[in-house]
Amino acid sequence: MVGIEAAVQWAAPAAQALIAAMATDMWSTTRDRVARLLSRRPEAADEVAEELDEARQLVIDGGTSDEAREAASAEWAARFRRALNRDPALLDQLRHLLAEHGLEETESGTGFTQNVSATDGGIVFNQGSGTQTNNVQRS
């Protein structure tokens, strides 16, 4: 069994990466991989994928509301924690998924560094936890 600290350490960033991916072109790929990761049985992956799509729709419908994002993040962090406690082997898959989404464990092992970028005049807002205020000024 993964220790409670390790499950918590990995579950929250995984949920945050999942929520961030909901608004990207990578959503369908991410959704399918997370559904397989969280499914207890291979045939249950479609059900989990539907739940992920429902969560995505709630986040999108919430617009700029932090409430919808925080609720979804808390729900999926809990699911990641339960999955890690149930099957510690998932940790390697979860680490790989986080690395693909620009989240890398810090050298101290106590946190994560998020790397994001925008091109062609795009704007990126990326948040780990806590409160974040973003002000964008375009000239």
N, C-alpha and C. Protein backbone atom coordinates (compact mmCIF):
# COMPACT_ATOMS: atom_id res chain seq x y z
N MET A 1 0.84 -1.18 0.00
CA MET A 1 0.00 0.00 0.00
C MET A 1 0.89 1.25 0.00
N VAL A 2 0.52 2.23 -0.79
CA VAL A 2 1.23 3.50 -0.82
C VAL A 2 0.92 4.22 0.48
N GLY A 3 1.94 4.79 1.12
CA GLY A 3 1.71 5.54 2.35
C GLY A 3 0.77 6.69 2.11
N ILE A 4 0.04 7.08 3.15
CA ILE A 4 -0.94 8.15 3.03
C ILE A 4 -0.28 9.44 2.56
N GLU A 5 0.94 9.71 3.03
CA GLU A 5 1.63 10.93 2.60
C GLU A 5 1.94 10.90 1.11
N ALA A 6 2.40 9.74 0.63
CA ALA A 6 2.72 9.62 -0.79
C ALA A 6 1.45 9.73 -1.63
N ALA A 7 0.38 9.12 -1.18
CA ALA A 7 -0.89 9.20 -1.93
C ALA A 7 -1.36 10.64 -2.00
N VAL A 8 -1.28 11.36 -0.90
CA VAL A 8 -1.69 12.76 -0.89
C VAL A 8 -0.75 13.60 -1.75
N GLN A 9 0.55 13.33 -1.65
CA GLN A 9 1.54 14.09 -2.41
C GLN A 9 1.28 13.99 -3.91
N TRP A 10 0.90 12.82 -4.38
CA TRP A 10 0.72 12.63 -5.81
C TRP A 10 -0.71 12.88 -6.27
N ALA A 11 -1.69 12.70 -5.40
CA ALA A 11 -3.09 12.82 -5.80
C ALA A 11 -3.47 14.26 -6.14
N ALA A 12 -3.07 15.21 -5.32
CA ALA A 12 -3.46 16.60 -5.57
C ALA A 12 -2.88 17.15 -6.88
N PRO A 13 -1.59 16.98 -7.14
CA PRO A 13 -1.07 17.46 -8.43
C PRO A 13 -1.69 16.73 -9.62
N ALA A 14 -1.99 15.45 -9.43
CA ALA A 14 -2.61 14.69 -10.52
C ALA A 14 -3.99 15.26 -10.83
N ALA A 15 -4.75 15.57 -9.79
CA ALA A 15 -6.08 16.16 -9.99
C ALA A 15 -5.97 17.53 -10.65
N GLN A 16 -5.00 18.33 -10.23
CA GLN A 16 -4.82 19.65 -10.82
C GLN A 16 -4.42 19.56 -12.29
N ALA A 17 -3.56 18.60 -12.62
CA ALA A 17 -3.19 18.40 -14.02
C ALA A 17 -4.39 17.95 -14.82
N LEU A 18 -5.20 17.09 -14.22
CA LEU A 18 -6.41 16.62 -14.90
C LEU A 18 -7.36 17.78 -15.19
N ILE A 19 -7.59 18.63 -14.20
CA ILE A 19 -8.49 19.78 -14.39
C ILE A 19 -7.92 20.71 -15.45
N ALA A 20 -6.62 20.95 -15.42
CA ALA A 20 -5.99 21.82 -16.43
C ALA A 20 -6.13 21.22 -17.82
N ALA A 21 -6.02 19.91 -17.93
CA ALA A 21 -6.11 19.24 -19.23
C ALA A 21 -7.51 19.32 -19.82
N MET A 22 -8.50 19.57 -18.98
CA MET A 22 -9.89 19.63 -19.45
C MET A 22 -10.11 20.71 -20.49
N ALA A 23 -9.28 21.72 -20.48
CA ALA A 23 -9.45 22.83 -21.41
C ALA A 23 -8.44 22.80 -22.56
N THR A 24 -7.85 21.64 -22.80
CA THR A 24 -6.83 21.55 -23.84
C THR A 24 -7.24 20.60 -24.95
N ASP A 25 -6.47 20.64 -26.02
CA ASP A 25 -6.67 19.72 -27.13
C ASP A 25 -6.29 18.28 -26.76
N MET A 26 -5.58 18.13 -25.66
CA MET A 26 -5.15 16.80 -25.21
C MET A 26 -6.22 16.10 -24.38
N TRP A 27 -7.39 16.71 -24.23
CA TRP A 27 -8.39 16.18 -23.31
C TRP A 27 -8.76 14.73 -23.59
N SER A 28 -9.10 14.40 -24.81
CA SER A 28 -9.58 13.04 -25.06
C SER A 28 -8.52 11.99 -24.74
N THR A 29 -7.28 12.28 -25.07
CA THR A 29 -6.19 11.35 -24.76
C THR A 29 -5.99 11.25 -23.25
N THR A 30 -5.98 12.40 -22.59
CA THR A 30 -5.80 12.42 -21.14
C THR A 30 -6.96 11.70 -20.46
N ARG A 31 -8.18 11.99 -20.88
CA ARG A 31 -9.37 11.36 -20.31
C ARG A 31 -9.27 9.83 -20.40
N ASP A 32 -8.92 9.33 -21.56
CA ASP A 32 -8.85 7.89 -21.75
C ASP A 32 -7.77 7.25 -20.88
N ARG A 33 -6.63 7.90 -20.77
CA ARG A 33 -5.54 7.35 -19.95
C ARG A 33 -5.90 7.37 -18.47
N VAL A 34 -6.51 8.46 -18.02
CA VAL A 34 -6.90 8.56 -16.62
C VAL A 34 -8.01 7.55 -16.32
N ALA A 35 -8.94 7.39 -17.25
CA ALA A 35 -10.03 6.42 -17.06
C ALA A 35 -9.47 5.01 -16.89
N ARG A 36 -8.50 4.66 -17.71
CA ARG A 36 -7.88 3.33 -17.58
C ARG A 36 -7.14 3.21 -16.25
N LEU A 37 -6.47 4.28 -15.86
CA LEU A 37 -5.69 4.28 -14.63
C LEU A 37 -6.59 4.11 -13.40
N LEU A 38 -7.74 4.77 -13.40
CA LEU A 38 -8.61 4.76 -12.23
C LEU A 38 -9.62 3.61 -12.21
N SER A 39 -9.75 2.91 -13.30
CA SER A 39 -10.73 1.82 -13.38
C SER A 39 -10.22 0.59 -12.65
N ARG A 40 -11.07 0.02 -11.85
CA ARG A 40 -10.71 -1.23 -11.17
C ARG A 40 -10.72 -2.40 -12.15
N ARG A 41 -11.59 -2.30 -13.13
CA ARG A 41 -11.72 -3.35 -14.15
C ARG A 41 -11.63 -2.68 -15.51
N PRO A 42 -11.01 -3.33 -16.48
CA PRO A 42 -10.88 -2.72 -17.82
C PRO A 42 -12.22 -2.31 -18.42
N GLU A 43 -13.26 -3.10 -18.17
CA GLU A 43 -14.56 -2.77 -18.75
C GLU A 43 -15.21 -1.55 -18.09
N ALA A 44 -14.68 -1.09 -16.96
CA ALA A 44 -15.22 0.07 -16.28
C ALA A 44 -14.62 1.39 -16.78
N ALA A 45 -13.63 1.32 -17.66
CA ALA A 45 -12.96 2.54 -18.14
C ALA A 45 -13.92 3.48 -18.84
N ASP A 46 -14.89 2.93 -19.59
CA ASP A 46 -15.86 3.79 -20.28
C ASP A 46 -16.71 4.58 -19.29
N GLU A 47 -17.07 3.93 -18.19
CA GLU A 47 -17.87 4.61 -17.16
C GLU A 47 -17.07 5.75 -16.52
N VAL A 48 -15.82 5.49 -16.21
CA VAL A 48 -14.97 6.53 -15.63
C VAL A 48 -14.77 7.65 -16.63
N ALA A 49 -14.60 7.33 -17.91
CA ALA A 49 -14.45 8.35 -18.95
C ALA A 49 -15.69 9.24 -19.01
N GLU A 50 -16.87 8.65 -18.88
CA GLU A 50 -18.11 9.45 -18.86
C GLU A 50 -18.13 10.38 -17.65
N GLU A 51 -17.71 9.88 -16.49
CA GLU A 51 -17.64 10.71 -15.29
C GLU A 51 -16.65 11.86 -15.48
N LEU A 52 -15.54 11.58 -16.13
CA LEU A 52 -14.56 12.63 -16.42
C LEU A 52 -15.15 13.68 -17.36
N ASP A 53 -15.88 13.25 -18.37
CA ASP A 53 -16.52 14.20 -19.28
C ASP A 53 -17.57 15.05 -18.56
N GLU A 54 -18.30 14.44 -17.63
CA GLU A 54 -19.28 15.20 -16.85
C GLU A 54 -18.57 16.25 -15.99
N ALA A 55 -17.47 15.85 -15.36
CA ALA A 55 -16.70 16.79 -14.55
C ALA A 55 -16.16 17.92 -15.42
N ARG A 56 -15.68 17.57 -16.59
CA ARG A 56 -15.17 18.59 -17.52
C ARG A 56 -16.26 19.59 -17.88
N GLN A 57 -17.45 19.09 -18.16
CA GLN A 57 -18.55 19.98 -18.52
C GLN A 57 -18.90 20.93 -17.37
N LEU A 58 -18.88 20.42 -16.14
CA LEU A 58 -19.15 21.27 -14.98
C LEU A 58 -18.08 22.36 -14.84
N VAL A 59 -16.83 21.98 -15.08
CA VAL A 59 -15.74 22.96 -15.00
C VAL A 59 -15.90 24.01 -16.10
N ILE A 60 -16.20 23.56 -17.31
CA ILE A 60 -16.37 24.50 -18.42
C ILE A 60 -17.57 25.40 -18.18
N ASP A 61 -18.68 24.82 -17.72
CA ASP A 61 -19.88 25.61 -17.43
C ASP A 61 -19.64 26.62 -16.32
N GLY A 62 -18.70 26.29 -15.41
CA GLY A 62 -18.36 27.20 -14.31
C GLY A 62 -17.58 28.41 -14.77
N GLY A 63 -17.08 28.37 -16.01
CA GLY A 63 -16.33 29.51 -16.56
C GLY A 63 -15.13 29.85 -15.71
N THR A 64 -15.09 31.08 -15.25
CA THR A 64 -13.95 31.53 -14.45
C THR A 64 -14.15 31.26 -12.97
N SER A 65 -15.23 30.57 -12.61
CA SER A 65 -15.52 30.26 -11.22
C SER A 65 -14.50 29.28 -10.65
N ASP A 66 -13.83 29.71 -9.60
CA ASP A 66 -12.88 28.81 -8.92
C ASP A 66 -13.61 27.68 -8.22
N GLU A 67 -14.87 27.92 -7.86
CA GLU A 67 -15.64 26.93 -7.11
C GLU A 67 -15.78 25.61 -7.88
N ALA A 68 -16.10 25.69 -9.16
CA ALA A 68 -16.26 24.49 -9.97
C ALA A 68 -14.93 23.74 -10.10
N ARG A 69 -13.86 24.48 -10.32
CA ARG A 69 -12.54 23.85 -10.45
C ARG A 69 -12.10 23.21 -9.14
N GLU A 70 -12.32 23.90 -8.03
CA GLU A 70 -11.90 23.37 -6.73
C GLU A 70 -12.69 22.12 -6.37
N ALA A 71 -13.99 22.12 -6.66
CA ALA A 71 -14.82 20.94 -6.37
C ALA A 71 -14.37 19.75 -7.21
N ALA A 72 -14.13 19.98 -8.49
CA ALA A 72 -13.67 18.89 -9.37
C ALA A 72 -12.29 18.40 -8.93
N SER A 73 -11.41 19.32 -8.58
CA SER A 73 -10.07 18.94 -8.16
C SER A 73 -10.12 18.09 -6.89
N ALA A 74 -10.95 18.48 -5.93
CA ALA A 74 -11.07 17.72 -4.68
C ALA A 74 -11.62 16.32 -4.95
N GLU A 75 -12.63 16.24 -5.80
CA GLU A 75 -13.22 14.94 -6.11
C GLU A 75 -12.21 13.99 -6.76
N TRP A 76 -11.49 14.50 -7.76
CA TRP A 76 -10.57 13.62 -8.48
C TRP A 76 -9.30 13.35 -7.67
N ALA A 77 -8.90 14.27 -6.81
CA ALA A 77 -7.76 13.99 -5.92
C ALA A 77 -8.11 12.84 -4.99
N ALA A 78 -9.33 12.82 -4.49
CA ALA A 78 -9.77 11.73 -3.62
C ALA A 78 -9.76 10.40 -4.39
N ARG A 79 -10.18 10.44 -5.63
CA ARG A 79 -10.19 9.21 -6.43
C ARG A 79 -8.77 8.73 -6.72
N PHE A 80 -7.87 9.67 -6.99
CA PHE A 80 -6.47 9.29 -7.20
C PHE A 80 -5.89 8.68 -5.92
N ARG A 81 -6.19 9.29 -4.76
CA ARG A 81 -5.69 8.75 -3.49
C ARG A 81 -6.19 7.33 -3.26
N ARG A 82 -7.48 7.11 -3.48
CA ARG A 82 -8.02 5.76 -3.29
C ARG A 82 -7.38 4.76 -4.25
N ALA A 83 -7.20 5.18 -5.50
CA ALA A 83 -6.59 4.29 -6.49
C ALA A 83 -5.15 3.94 -6.10
N LEU A 84 -4.40 4.93 -5.62
CA LEU A 84 -3.01 4.68 -5.21
C LEU A 84 -2.95 3.76 -3.99
N ASN A 85 -3.87 3.94 -3.07
CA ASN A 85 -3.89 3.06 -1.90
C ASN A 85 -4.29 1.64 -2.28
N ARG A 86 -5.17 1.52 -3.25
CA ARG A 86 -5.64 0.21 -3.71
C ARG A 86 -4.56 -0.51 -4.51
N ASP A 87 -3.83 0.26 -5.36
CA ASP A 87 -2.86 -0.35 -6.26
C ASP A 87 -1.61 0.54 -6.35
N PRO A 88 -0.63 0.30 -5.48
CA PRO A 88 0.58 1.12 -5.46
C PRO A 88 1.33 1.16 -6.79
N ALA A 89 1.15 0.16 -7.63
CA ALA A 89 1.84 0.12 -8.93
C ALA A 89 1.39 1.26 -9.84
N LEU A 90 0.26 1.86 -9.53
CA LEU A 90 -0.23 2.98 -10.34
C LEU A 90 0.65 4.22 -10.21
N LEU A 91 1.44 4.28 -9.17
CA LEU A 91 2.27 5.46 -8.93
C LEU A 91 3.19 5.76 -10.10
N ASP A 92 3.81 4.74 -10.67
CA ASP A 92 4.70 4.97 -11.82
C ASP A 92 3.92 5.53 -13.01
N GLN A 93 2.73 4.98 -13.27
CA GLN A 93 1.91 5.48 -14.36
C GLN A 93 1.49 6.93 -14.11
N LEU A 94 1.16 7.22 -12.87
CA LEU A 94 0.75 8.57 -12.51
C LEU A 94 1.90 9.56 -12.66
N ARG A 95 3.08 9.17 -12.23
CA ARG A 95 4.27 10.02 -12.39
C ARG A 95 4.52 10.32 -13.87
N HIS A 96 4.38 9.30 -14.70
CA HIS A 96 4.59 9.47 -16.14
C HIS A 96 3.55 10.44 -16.72
N LEU A 97 2.31 10.29 -16.33
CA LEU A 97 1.24 11.17 -16.79
C LEU A 97 1.50 12.62 -16.37
N LEU A 98 1.94 12.81 -15.12
CA LEU A 98 2.23 14.17 -14.64
C LEU A 98 3.40 14.78 -15.40
N ALA A 99 4.41 13.99 -15.68
CA ALA A 99 5.57 14.49 -16.43
C ALA A 99 5.14 14.94 -17.83
N GLU A 100 4.23 14.21 -18.44
CA GLU A 100 3.74 14.59 -19.77
C GLU A 100 2.98 15.90 -19.74
N HIS A 101 2.42 16.24 -18.58
CA HIS A 101 1.64 17.47 -18.46
C HIS A 101 2.46 18.61 -17.85
N GLY A 102 3.78 18.45 -17.85
CA GLY A 102 4.64 19.54 -17.39
C GLY A 102 4.77 19.65 -15.90
N LEU A 103 4.40 18.60 -15.16
CA LEU A 103 4.56 18.60 -13.71
C LEU A 103 5.69 17.64 -13.36
N GLU A 104 6.69 18.17 -12.71
CA GLU A 104 7.85 17.35 -12.36
C GLU A 104 8.08 17.45 -10.87
N GLU A 105 8.41 16.32 -10.25
CA GLU A 105 8.68 16.31 -8.82
C GLU A 105 9.95 17.13 -8.56
N THR A 106 9.95 17.90 -7.48
CA THR A 106 11.13 18.67 -7.13
C THR A 106 12.19 17.74 -6.56
N GLU A 107 13.42 18.20 -6.53
CA GLU A 107 14.52 17.38 -6.03
C GLU A 107 14.31 16.96 -4.58
N SER A 108 13.66 17.81 -3.80
CA SER A 108 13.44 17.46 -2.40
C SER A 108 12.36 16.41 -2.25
N GLY A 109 11.57 16.21 -3.30
CA GLY A 109 10.50 15.22 -3.23
C GLY A 109 9.29 15.72 -2.48
N THR A 110 9.27 17.00 -2.11
CA THR A 110 8.15 17.51 -1.31
C THR A 110 7.21 18.39 -2.10
N GLY A 111 7.42 18.52 -3.38
CA GLY A 111 6.55 19.38 -4.16
C GLY A 111 6.76 19.17 -5.64
N PHE A 112 6.17 20.05 -6.42
CA PHE A 112 6.22 19.93 -7.87
C PHE A 112 6.55 21.28 -8.48
N THR A 113 7.18 21.21 -9.62
CA THR A 113 7.43 22.39 -10.42
C THR A 113 6.55 22.27 -11.65
N GLN A 114 5.81 23.33 -11.93
CA GLN A 114 4.95 23.32 -13.10
C GLN A 114 5.60 24.16 -14.18
N ASN A 115 5.68 23.60 -15.38
CA ASN A 115 6.25 24.29 -16.52
C ASN A 115 5.16 24.45 -17.57
N VAL A 116 4.82 25.69 -17.88
CA VAL A 116 3.80 25.94 -18.89
C VAL A 116 4.31 27.01 -19.84
N SER A 117 3.77 27.02 -21.04
CA SER A 117 4.15 28.05 -21.99
C SER A 117 2.98 28.32 -22.91
N ALA A 118 2.99 29.49 -23.49
CA ALA A 118 1.96 29.88 -24.45
C ALA A 118 2.65 30.42 -25.68
N THR A 119 2.03 30.21 -26.82
CA THR A 119 2.59 30.71 -28.07
C THR A 119 1.52 31.49 -28.82
N ASP A 120 1.95 32.22 -29.81
CA ASP A 120 1.04 32.95 -30.70
C ASP A 120 0.08 33.85 -29.94
N GLY A 121 0.58 34.56 -28.94
CA GLY A 121 -0.25 35.50 -28.20
C GLY A 121 -1.14 34.84 -27.16
N GLY A 122 -0.97 33.54 -26.93
CA GLY A 122 -1.79 32.84 -25.95
C GLY A 122 -1.42 33.23 -24.54
N ILE A 123 -2.31 32.94 -23.63
CA ILE A 123 -2.10 33.23 -22.21
C ILE A 123 -2.28 31.93 -21.45
N VAL A 124 -1.42 31.69 -20.47
CA VAL A 124 -1.53 30.48 -19.67
C VAL A 124 -1.66 30.89 -18.21
N PHE A 125 -2.65 30.32 -17.54
CA PHE A 125 -2.80 30.45 -16.10
C PHE A 125 -2.62 29.05 -15.53
N ASN A 126 -1.73 28.90 -14.59
CA ASN A 126 -1.45 27.60 -14.02
C ASN A 126 -1.40 27.74 -12.52
N GLN A 127 -2.13 26.90 -11.81
CA GLN A 127 -2.18 27.02 -10.37
C GLN A 127 -2.00 25.68 -9.71
N GLY A 128 -1.24 25.66 -8.65
CA GLY A 128 -1.09 24.45 -7.86
C GLY A 128 -2.17 24.39 -6.81
N SER A 129 -2.02 25.14 -5.75
CA SER A 129 -3.04 25.18 -4.72
C SER A 129 -3.05 26.58 -4.13
N GLY A 130 -4.06 26.88 -3.36
CA GLY A 130 -4.17 28.20 -2.76
C GLY A 130 -4.92 29.14 -3.66
N THR A 131 -4.76 30.41 -3.40
CA THR A 131 -5.45 31.44 -4.15
C THR A 131 -4.49 32.06 -5.15
N GLN A 132 -4.99 32.32 -6.32
CA GLN A 132 -4.17 32.91 -7.38
C GLN A 132 -4.97 34.02 -8.03
N THR A 133 -4.35 35.14 -8.24
CA THR A 133 -4.96 36.25 -8.96
C THR A 133 -4.14 36.51 -10.22
N ASN A 134 -4.82 36.56 -11.36
CA ASN A 134 -4.14 36.78 -12.62
C ASN A 134 -4.64 38.09 -13.24
N ASN A 135 -3.72 38.94 -13.57
CA ASN A 135 -4.05 40.18 -14.26
C ASN A 135 -3.34 40.18 -15.60
N VAL A 136 -4.11 40.34 -16.66
CA VAL A 136 -3.54 40.34 -17.99
C VAL A 136 -3.73 41.71 -18.60
N GLN A 137 -2.63 42.27 -19.08
CA GLN A 137 -2.70 43.54 -19.75
C GLN A 137 -2.09 43.36 -21.13
N ARG A 138 -2.88 43.68 -22.11
CA ARG A 138 -2.39 43.58 -23.48
C ARG A 138 -2.20 44.98 -24.03
N SER A 139 -1.15 45.13 -24.78
CA SER A 139 -0.91 46.46 -25.35
C SER A 139 -1.36 46.51 -26.78
